[in-house]
Amino acid sequence: MSGQVETADVIVVGAGPGGASTAAYLAAHGLDVLLLEKASFPRDKICGDGLTPRAVRELISLGVSIREEDGWHRTKGLRMLGGGVRMELDWPGNATFPPYGLVRTRMDLDEILARHAQSRGARLLERMNVSEPVLDHRGHICGVRAKVMGEDGRPTGQTREFRAQLVVAADGNSSRLSLTMDRPRRDDRPMGVAVRTYYRTPRHDDEYIESWLELWAKGEDGQQDVLMPGYGWIFPVGDGTANVGLGILDTAKDFGTFDYKDVMRRWVATMPAEWEFGEETQLGPIRGAALPMCFNRQPLYDRGLLLVGDAGGMVNPFNGEGIAEAMEAGRHTAEVVASALARATPGEREAVLQSYPGVMKESLGGYYMLGKQFATLIGNPEIMRLAVRYGLPRRALMRLLLKIMANLPQERGGGLDDRIINALSRATPAA
């Protein structure tokens, strides 16, 4: 049965980091915002849980408390391993980005951000599984219909209808709203796959997150070491556990031809003993998720629907991070929407909304296309092997690479490396 139609200025579908940030900023602009989430908090998401300084900047901008005593594990930098080399690189820190990162499980993070949006004035409705858009006579979205889910995660048989002037799709990689509004995935953009699980470990409070650029495992004969596709990570959570996972890009020739979970088990079996990773310390199954990159759904605005986060393919192709970019998109979305809804006529309003794709492409588009080229290069295992062998021992080069991969150049001025990265991003055609 359908109940009474509920109205708002803006509907945001999906209360992950992108959706919650969008809702919080919109509410801070004085708009009436409905934030619809299909699950109920706390709920998990497949993720590495690592937050680079770029994501930390967004948390600070949003006004979220990130004190260590509140459960945030602070990181000094990245430890890179590959080609027989082990190198620790501190986060650079500059006038734009803080000199530290954070680790927080998505079980915690997403609820913190959703409750923060509530505290700003957004109306959060959980267990609302949005099933389809409501269209007006022009074919523009003017609302959504949602199935009401029970505490057991199953449909109750009830439906709800919500109406608004604009709708934001922040409903993840599968983005049902994007598909029904004619935004299919672009197959000329890279896509990644990541799998992860958690382990109890005495090194849970390590100050560095780890990136394994080569995944070695014992061969089937138990003797010969085998180099497997992908890269691995270990992100200490600070709560007695570490998030351990691996990722691979679809530019790799082995993409889709092997059992990712088996690769991870075989790689983890080679870990140094001090981590204490093993079946007896593993917490929960190995689970996987897709990583949509480089604005792989476009346009980012059309017919009343704006795309944010994974729904718009905003994962960083250099490092697989999507949280910073999703929160950044939420900030930009709110500014565009608030400006549009303050205009006097439908034509003026639409002109402002049409600027959103350009805003996002100016912010991330050139950088993403640099990343697309990078993803194509490292998809060749021989190039990746040479890069690890000859690049990793060179500290100055790796410091530059860290700044590029985590997108941490000072935005204005800065050193030569900052100016080079910004110039490259501006010179590359936007995604």
Protein backbone atom coordinates (compact mmCIF):
# COMPACT_ATOMS: atom_id res chain seq x y z
CA MET A 1 0.00 0.00 0.00
CA SER A 2 1.21 3.51 -0.75
CA GLY A 3 0.91 6.14 1.94
CA GLN A 4 0.80 9.90 1.72
CA VAL A 5 3.29 11.54 -0.63
CA GLU A 6 6.07 13.29 1.30
CA THR A 7 7.75 16.37 -0.16
CA ALA A 8 11.09 18.14 0.17
CA ASP A 9 13.25 20.61 -1.74
CA VAL A 10 15.79 17.91 -2.62
CA ILE A 11 15.85 14.13 -2.30
CA VAL A 12 19.22 12.40 -1.85
CA VAL A 13 19.17 8.65 -2.54
CA GLY A 14 21.88 6.75 -0.67
CA ALA A 15 23.44 7.68 2.68
CA GLY A 16 27.05 6.71 2.00
CA PRO A 17 29.79 9.35 2.30
CA GLY A 18 28.71 11.11 -0.91
CA GLY A 19 25.01 11.17 -0.15
CA ALA A 20 25.40 12.08 3.52
CA SER A 21 27.81 14.90 2.67
CA THR A 22 25.47 16.23 0.00
CA ALA A 23 22.54 16.16 2.41
CA ALA A 24 24.52 17.86 5.20
CA TYR A 25 25.68 20.68 2.93
CA LEU A 26 22.22 21.15 1.39
CA ALA A 27 20.65 21.37 4.84
CA ALA A 28 23.32 23.88 5.89
CA HIS A 29 22.22 25.98 2.89
CA GLY A 30 18.74 26.06 4.44
CA LEU A 31 17.08 23.55 2.12
CA ASP A 32 14.62 20.86 3.15
CA VAL A 33 16.42 17.59 2.38
CA LEU A 34 15.24 13.98 2.48
CA LEU A 35 18.09 11.45 2.75
CA LEU A 36 16.87 7.95 1.83
CA GLU A 37 18.92 4.88 2.76
CA LYS A 38 17.89 1.32 1.80
CA ALA A 39 19.59 -0.33 4.81
CA SER A 40 19.58 0.66 8.47
CA PHE A 41 22.58 1.86 10.44
CA PRO A 42 25.03 0.57 11.38
CA ARG A 43 25.67 -1.23 8.11
CA ASP A 44 28.82 -2.39 6.33
CA LYS A 45 30.25 -1.48 2.92
CA ILE A 46 33.11 -3.16 1.06
CA CYS A 47 36.02 -0.71 1.29
CA GLY A 48 39.63 -0.40 2.36
CA ASP A 49 38.58 2.02 5.15
CA GLY A 50 41.65 4.19 4.51
CA LEU A 51 41.15 7.95 4.32
CA THR A 52 43.90 9.97 2.64
CA PRO A 53 44.56 13.60 3.63
CA ARG A 54 42.25 14.59 0.77
CA ALA A 55 39.38 12.81 2.54
CA VAL A 56 40.46 14.29 5.89
CA ARG A 57 40.15 17.78 4.36
CA GLU A 58 36.55 16.97 3.40
CA LEU A 59 35.74 15.74 6.92
CA ILE A 60 37.16 18.97 8.35
CA SER A 61 35.21 21.05 5.83
CA LEU A 62 32.03 19.19 6.75
CA GLY A 63 32.57 19.90 10.45
CA VAL A 64 32.89 16.27 11.57
CA SER A 65 34.89 15.68 14.77
CA ILE A 66 37.94 13.51 13.97
CA ARG A 67 39.53 13.30 17.41
CA GLU A 68 41.57 10.16 18.03
CA GLU A 69 39.76 9.62 21.34
CA ASP A 70 36.53 9.24 19.32
CA GLY A 71 37.86 6.17 17.50
CA TRP A 72 39.70 7.66 14.51
CA HIS A 73 43.05 5.99 13.83
CA ARG A 74 45.51 8.57 12.53
CA THR A 75 48.17 7.59 9.96
CA LYS A 76 51.52 9.28 9.21
CA GLY A 77 51.86 7.98 5.68
CA LEU A 78 52.22 5.04 3.32
CA ARG A 79 54.59 2.09 3.49
CA MET A 80 55.26 0.70 0.00
CA LEU A 81 56.60 -2.81 -0.60
CA GLY A 82 57.73 -4.30 -3.89
CA GLY A 83 60.78 -5.42 -5.81
CA GLY A 84 62.51 -6.33 -2.56
CA VAL A 85 62.21 -2.71 -1.35
CA ARG A 86 60.34 -1.44 1.71
CA MET A 87 59.91 2.34 1.89
CA GLU A 88 57.97 4.57 4.31
CA LEU A 89 56.70 7.86 2.91
CA ASP A 90 55.00 10.44 5.14
CA TRP A 91 51.90 12.21 3.87
CA PRO A 92 53.25 15.44 2.37
CA GLY A 93 51.04 18.04 4.07
CA ASN A 94 50.76 21.55 2.66
CA ALA A 95 48.50 24.61 2.75
CA THR A 96 45.68 22.59 1.13
CA PHE A 97 45.85 19.20 2.84
CA PRO A 98 46.68 18.12 6.41
CA PRO A 99 49.81 15.98 6.97
CA TYR A 100 47.92 12.91 8.18
CA GLY A 101 45.36 10.37 7.08
CA LEU A 102 42.75 8.38 8.99
CA VAL A 103 41.36 4.86 9.10
CA ARG A 104 37.75 4.21 10.13
CA THR A 105 35.56 1.25 9.21
CA ARG A 106 32.64 1.97 6.92
CA MET A 107 30.42 0.41 9.58
CA ASP A 108 31.27 3.46 11.70
CA LEU A 109 32.05 6.11 9.10
CA ASP A 110 28.81 5.98 7.14
CA GLU A 111 26.66 6.22 10.25
CA ILE A 112 28.78 9.10 11.62
CA LEU A 113 28.26 11.03 8.38
CA ALA A 114 24.54 10.22 8.14
CA ARG A 115 23.95 11.31 11.75
CA HIS A 116 25.96 14.45 11.06
CA ALA A 117 23.64 15.22 8.14
CA GLN A 118 20.71 14.75 10.53
CA SER A 119 22.29 17.14 13.01
CA ARG A 120 22.50 19.74 10.22
CA GLY A 121 18.77 19.36 9.56
CA ALA A 122 18.49 16.65 6.89
CA ARG A 123 15.64 14.17 7.34
CA LEU A 124 17.12 10.66 7.25
CA LEU A 125 14.77 7.79 6.45
CA GLU A 126 16.32 4.34 6.73
CA ARG A 127 15.10 1.09 5.13
CA MET A 128 13.81 2.95 2.06
CA ASN A 129 14.84 0.97 -1.02
CA VAL A 130 14.30 3.37 -3.91
CA SER A 131 12.93 1.35 -6.83
CA GLU A 132 12.06 3.89 -9.52
CA PRO A 133 11.92 7.58 -10.39
CA VAL A 134 8.74 9.64 -10.64
CA LEU A 135 8.78 11.71 -13.84
CA ASP A 136 6.89 14.86 -14.75
CA HIS A 137 5.34 15.69 -18.14
CA ARG A 138 8.76 16.73 -19.54
CA GLY A 139 10.43 13.47 -18.53
CA HIS A 140 12.31 15.21 -15.70
CA ILE A 141 12.61 13.43 -12.38
CA CYS A 142 10.37 14.99 -9.73
CA GLY A 143 10.45 12.28 -7.08
CA VAL A 144 11.04 8.62 -6.31
CA ARG A 145 9.13 5.57 -5.16
CA ALA A 146 10.63 3.33 -2.52
CA LYS A 147 9.94 -0.10 -1.09
CA VAL A 148 9.82 -0.09 2.70
CA MET A 149 12.21 -2.73 4.04
CA GLY A 150 11.79 -4.63 7.26
CA GLU A 151 14.36 -5.06 10.03
CA ASP A 152 15.22 -8.42 8.44
CA GLY A 153 16.23 -6.65 5.22
CA ARG A 154 13.24 -7.95 3.26
CA PRO A 155 10.46 -5.91 1.62
CA THR A 156 7.45 -5.36 3.86
CA GLY A 157 5.07 -4.96 0.91
CA GLN A 158 4.62 -1.26 1.64
CA THR A 159 5.75 1.50 -0.69
CA ARG A 160 6.35 5.21 -0.16
CA GLU A 161 6.40 8.08 -2.63
CA PHE A 162 8.53 11.20 -2.24
CA ARG A 163 8.48 14.38 -4.34
CA ALA A 164 11.11 17.12 -4.72
CA GLN A 165 12.36 19.76 -7.12
CA LEU A 166 15.63 17.86 -7.63
CA VAL A 167 17.00 14.39 -6.93
CA VAL A 168 20.60 13.36 -6.20
CA ALA A 169 21.61 9.78 -7.03
CA ALA A 170 24.26 8.66 -4.52
CA ASP A 171 23.11 5.05 -4.67
CA GLY A 172 26.41 3.38 -5.48
CA ASN A 173 27.97 1.54 -8.38
CA SER A 174 24.81 -0.32 -9.42
CA SER A 175 22.83 2.98 -9.24
CA ARG A 176 19.32 1.93 -10.16
CA LEU A 177 18.28 5.56 -10.55
CA SER A 178 21.06 6.26 -13.06
CA LEU A 179 20.11 3.26 -15.16
CA THR A 180 16.41 4.11 -15.24
CA MET A 181 17.30 7.70 -16.19
CA ASP A 182 19.36 6.57 -19.21
CA ARG A 183 22.86 6.83 -17.72
CA PRO A 184 24.48 3.51 -18.66
CA ARG A 185 28.12 2.83 -17.80
CA ARG A 186 30.73 3.97 -20.29
CA ASP A 187 32.93 1.05 -21.33
CA ASP A 188 35.83 3.36 -22.29
CA ARG A 189 36.59 4.10 -18.62
CA PRO A 190 38.55 1.80 -16.28
CA MET A 191 36.79 -0.32 -13.69
CA GLY A 192 38.37 -2.01 -10.70
CA VAL A 193 37.45 -4.88 -8.42
CA ALA A 194 38.48 -5.06 -4.76
CA VAL A 195 38.12 -7.78 -2.13
CA ARG A 196 38.80 -7.45 1.57
CA THR A 197 38.34 -8.88 5.04
CA TYR A 198 39.50 -8.11 8.59
CA TYR A 199 42.05 -9.80 10.82
CA ARG A 200 42.89 -9.44 14.49
CA THR A 201 46.50 -8.30 14.73
CA PRO A 202 48.93 -6.91 17.32
CA ARG A 203 49.95 -4.32 14.68
CA HIS A 204 46.46 -2.80 14.58
CA ASP A 205 47.80 0.63 15.59
CA ASP A 206 50.63 0.88 13.04
CA GLU A 207 51.15 4.51 11.98
CA TYR A 208 51.53 3.60 8.29
CA ILE A 209 49.08 2.04 5.90
CA GLU A 210 50.73 -0.52 3.60
CA SER A 211 50.60 -0.91 -0.17
CA TRP A 212 52.00 -4.14 -1.67
CA LEU A 213 52.85 -3.46 -5.29
CA GLU A 214 53.58 -7.12 -6.00
CA LEU A 215 51.52 -10.09 -4.82
CA TRP A 216 53.71 -13.17 -4.43
CA ALA A 217 52.32 -16.55 -3.40
CA LYS A 218 53.40 -20.16 -3.38
CA GLY A 219 52.67 -21.98 -6.62
CA GLU A 220 50.57 -25.11 -6.76
CA ASP A 221 53.71 -27.21 -6.30
CA GLY A 222 54.31 -25.40 -3.00
CA GLN A 223 57.84 -24.48 -4.07
CA GLN A 224 57.94 -21.99 -6.93
CA ASP A 225 56.90 -18.44 -5.99
CA VAL A 226 54.24 -17.05 -8.35
CA LEU A 227 53.57 -13.34 -9.07
CA MET A 228 49.81 -12.82 -9.12
CA PRO A 229 47.86 -9.93 -10.65
CA GLY A 230 46.78 -6.89 -8.66
CA TYR A 231 48.06 -4.91 -5.68
CA GLY A 232 47.42 -5.46 -1.99
CA TRP A 233 46.87 -3.32 1.08
CA ILE A 234 46.98 -3.54 4.86
CA PHE A 235 45.19 -0.71 6.67
CA PRO A 236 45.52 -0.88 10.48
CA VAL A 237 42.18 0.18 12.01
CA GLY A 238 43.44 0.91 15.54
CA ASP A 239 40.75 -1.21 17.23
CA GLY A 240 42.64 -4.50 17.39
CA THR A 241 42.08 -5.27 13.71
CA ALA A 242 43.42 -4.50 10.25
CA ASN A 243 41.57 -4.23 6.93
CA VAL A 244 43.40 -6.43 4.40
CA GLY A 245 42.51 -6.58 0.73
CA LEU A 246 43.58 -6.48 -2.87
CA GLY A 247 42.46 -4.77 -6.03
CA ILE A 248 42.87 -5.20 -9.76
CA LEU A 249 41.99 -3.01 -12.74
CA ASP A 250 40.13 -4.23 -15.80
CA THR A 251 43.08 -2.98 -17.88
CA ALA A 252 45.03 -6.02 -16.60
CA LYS A 253 45.08 -8.94 -19.03
CA ASP A 254 44.16 -11.35 -16.19
CA PHE A 255 41.09 -9.34 -15.16
CA GLY A 256 38.05 -11.56 -14.66
CA THR A 257 39.92 -14.82 -15.26
CA PHE A 258 40.74 -15.89 -11.73
CA ASP A 259 39.31 -16.31 -8.24
CA TYR A 260 40.14 -13.06 -6.42
CA LYS A 261 39.37 -14.56 -3.03
CA ASP A 262 41.75 -17.45 -3.67
CA VAL A 263 44.47 -15.00 -4.78
CA MET A 264 44.00 -13.08 -1.55
CA ARG A 265 44.17 -16.19 0.63
CA ARG A 266 47.39 -17.31 -1.07
CA TRP A 267 48.94 -13.84 -0.75
CA VAL A 268 47.97 -13.45 2.92
CA ALA A 269 49.59 -16.83 3.63
CA THR A 270 52.97 -15.24 2.76
CA MET A 271 52.56 -12.27 5.15
CA PRO A 272 55.25 -11.64 7.79
CA ALA A 273 54.52 -13.55 11.00
CA GLU A 274 54.29 -10.39 13.13
CA TRP A 275 50.95 -9.50 11.54
CA GLU A 276 49.49 -12.82 12.81
CA PHE A 277 47.18 -13.16 9.82
CA GLY A 278 45.60 -16.60 9.47
CA GLU A 279 42.32 -18.51 9.51
CA GLU A 280 42.17 -18.30 13.31
CA THR A 281 42.47 -14.48 13.31
CA GLN A 282 40.26 -13.79 10.26
CA LEU A 283 37.05 -11.95 11.13
CA GLY A 284 34.28 -12.63 8.61
CA PRO A 285 34.35 -13.71 4.97
CA ILE A 286 36.32 -12.17 2.11
CA ARG A 287 33.89 -9.90 0.28
CA GLY A 288 34.23 -7.95 -2.96
CA ALA A 289 32.93 -4.85 -4.73
CA ALA A 290 33.35 -3.01 -8.04
CA LEU A 291 35.19 0.32 -8.25
CA PRO A 292 33.74 2.58 -11.00
CA MET A 293 36.25 5.18 -12.19
CA CYS A 294 36.75 8.34 -14.26
CA PHE A 295 33.13 9.55 -14.43
CA ASN A 296 32.00 6.30 -16.08
CA ARG A 297 28.37 7.49 -16.02
CA GLN A 298 27.53 10.73 -17.79
CA PRO A 299 26.12 13.29 -17.94
CA LEU A 300 26.53 14.03 -14.25
CA TYR A 301 23.41 16.21 -14.49
CA ASP A 302 20.39 15.86 -16.74
CA ARG A 303 16.60 16.13 -16.38
CA GLY A 304 16.63 16.94 -12.66
CA LEU A 305 19.03 14.17 -11.58
CA LEU A 306 22.57 14.81 -10.29
CA LEU A 307 25.10 11.98 -9.79
CA VAL A 308 27.44 11.81 -6.79
CA GLY A 309 30.12 9.28 -5.80
CA ASP A 310 30.10 5.75 -7.22
CA ALA A 311 26.81 6.45 -9.00
CA GLY A 312 28.81 8.85 -11.20
CA GLY A 313 31.95 6.70 -11.37
CA MET A 314 34.08 8.97 -9.18
CA VAL A 315 36.67 6.48 -7.86
CA ASN A 316 40.29 7.63 -8.24
CA PRO A 317 41.95 5.42 -10.92
CA PHE A 318 45.39 5.95 -9.36
CA ASN A 319 44.63 4.42 -5.96
CA GLY A 320 41.06 3.10 -5.85
CA GLU A 321 39.91 5.73 -3.32
CA GLY A 322 36.34 6.96 -3.66
CA ILE A 323 35.42 8.50 -0.31
CA ALA A 324 37.28 11.81 -0.74
CA GLU A 325 35.92 12.27 -4.24
CA ALA A 326 32.35 11.41 -3.21
CA MET A 327 32.44 13.92 -0.35
CA GLU A 328 33.99 16.53 -2.63
CA ALA A 329 31.19 15.96 -5.15
CA GLY A 330 28.66 16.37 -2.35
CA ARG A 331 30.12 19.77 -1.49
CA HIS A 332 30.04 20.92 -5.12
CA THR A 333 26.54 19.49 -5.68
CA ALA A 334 25.13 21.40 -2.72
CA GLU A 335 26.65 24.67 -3.92
CA VAL A 336 25.21 24.23 -7.42
CA VAL A 337 21.78 23.13 -6.19
CA ALA A 338 21.48 25.90 -3.60
CA SER A 339 22.45 28.47 -6.21
CA ALA A 340 20.00 27.01 -8.74
CA LEU A 341 17.03 26.90 -6.37
CA ALA A 342 17.63 30.55 -5.47
CA ARG A 343 17.04 31.63 -9.10
CA ALA A 344 13.78 33.25 -10.13
CA THR A 345 12.87 31.38 -13.32
CA PRO A 346 13.02 27.75 -14.50
CA GLY A 347 15.40 28.75 -17.30
CA GLU A 348 17.86 30.41 -14.92
CA ARG A 349 17.63 27.46 -12.57
CA GLU A 350 18.34 24.96 -15.35
CA ALA A 351 21.34 26.95 -16.57
CA VAL A 352 22.92 26.72 -13.12
CA LEU A 353 22.21 22.99 -12.84
CA GLN A 354 23.78 22.39 -16.25
CA SER A 355 27.03 23.80 -14.83
CA TYR A 356 27.46 20.84 -12.45
CA PRO A 357 29.25 18.51 -14.93
CA GLY A 358 31.66 21.33 -15.76
CA VAL A 359 32.33 22.02 -12.08
CA MET A 360 33.19 18.36 -11.45
CA LYS A 361 35.30 18.07 -14.60
CA GLU A 362 37.24 21.18 -13.65
CA SER A 363 37.80 19.73 -10.18
CA LEU A 364 38.73 16.15 -11.13
CA GLY A 365 38.36 15.58 -14.88
CA GLY A 366 41.92 16.19 -16.07
CA TYR A 367 43.34 14.27 -13.11
CA TYR A 368 41.03 11.34 -13.88
CA MET A 369 42.19 11.17 -17.49
CA LEU A 370 45.80 11.14 -16.32
CA GLY A 371 44.75 8.24 -14.12
CA LYS A 372 43.09 6.49 -17.04
CA GLN A 373 46.40 6.56 -18.91
CA PHE A 374 48.19 5.32 -15.79
CA ALA A 375 45.69 2.46 -15.41
CA THR A 376 46.28 1.40 -19.02
CA LEU A 377 50.06 1.39 -18.49
CA ILE A 378 50.09 -0.66 -15.28
CA GLY A 379 47.66 -3.13 -16.82
CA ASN A 380 50.74 -4.41 -18.63
CA PRO A 381 52.50 -6.60 -16.02
CA GLU A 382 55.94 -6.07 -17.57
CA ILE A 383 55.63 -2.28 -17.30
CA MET A 384 54.42 -2.61 -13.72
CA ARG A 385 57.32 -4.92 -12.87
CA LEU A 386 59.89 -2.51 -14.37
CA ALA A 387 58.28 0.46 -12.62
CA VAL A 388 58.49 -1.31 -9.25
CA ARG A 389 62.07 -2.49 -9.82
CA TYR A 390 63.54 0.82 -10.99
CA GLY A 391 61.14 3.38 -9.50
CA LEU A 392 60.57 2.19 -5.94
CA PRO A 393 64.19 2.55 -4.72
CA ARG A 394 64.19 6.25 -5.67
CA ARG A 395 62.73 8.12 -2.71
CA ALA A 396 62.31 11.51 -4.42
CA LEU A 397 60.45 9.87 -7.30
CA MET A 398 58.22 7.91 -4.92
CA ARG A 399 57.39 11.05 -2.92
CA LEU A 400 56.20 12.66 -6.15
CA LEU A 401 54.25 9.52 -7.08
CA LEU A 402 52.56 9.43 -3.66
CA LYS A 403 51.44 13.03 -4.13
CA ILE A 404 50.09 12.20 -7.60
CA MET A 405 48.37 8.94 -6.63
CA ALA A 406 46.61 10.43 -3.60
CA ASN A 407 45.90 13.71 -5.47
CA LEU A 408 47.58 15.88 -2.84
CA PRO A 409 49.19 18.83 -4.66
CA GLN A 410 48.84 22.23 -3.05
CA GLU A 411 46.06 23.83 -5.06
CA ARG A 412 47.73 27.23 -5.51
CA GLY A 413 51.44 27.90 -5.54
CA GLY A 414 53.42 25.28 -3.67
CA GLY A 415 56.64 23.62 -4.75
CA LEU A 416 57.76 22.50 -8.19
CA ASP A 417 56.13 19.09 -7.76
CA ASP A 418 52.77 20.69 -6.89
CA ARG A 419 52.95 22.95 -9.94
CA ILE A 420 53.88 20.04 -12.22
CA ILE A 421 50.92 17.92 -11.04
CA ASN A 422 48.47 20.80 -11.37
CA ALA A 423 49.81 21.70 -14.81
CA LEU A 424 49.51 18.08 -16.01
CA SER A 425 45.91 17.88 -14.76
CA ARG A 426 44.97 21.14 -16.45
CA ALA A 427 46.68 20.18 -19.72
CA THR A 428 44.91 16.80 -19.93
CA PRO A 429 41.44 16.90 -21.56
CA ALA A 430 38.79 16.46 -18.86
CA ALA A 431 37.05 13.12 -18.44
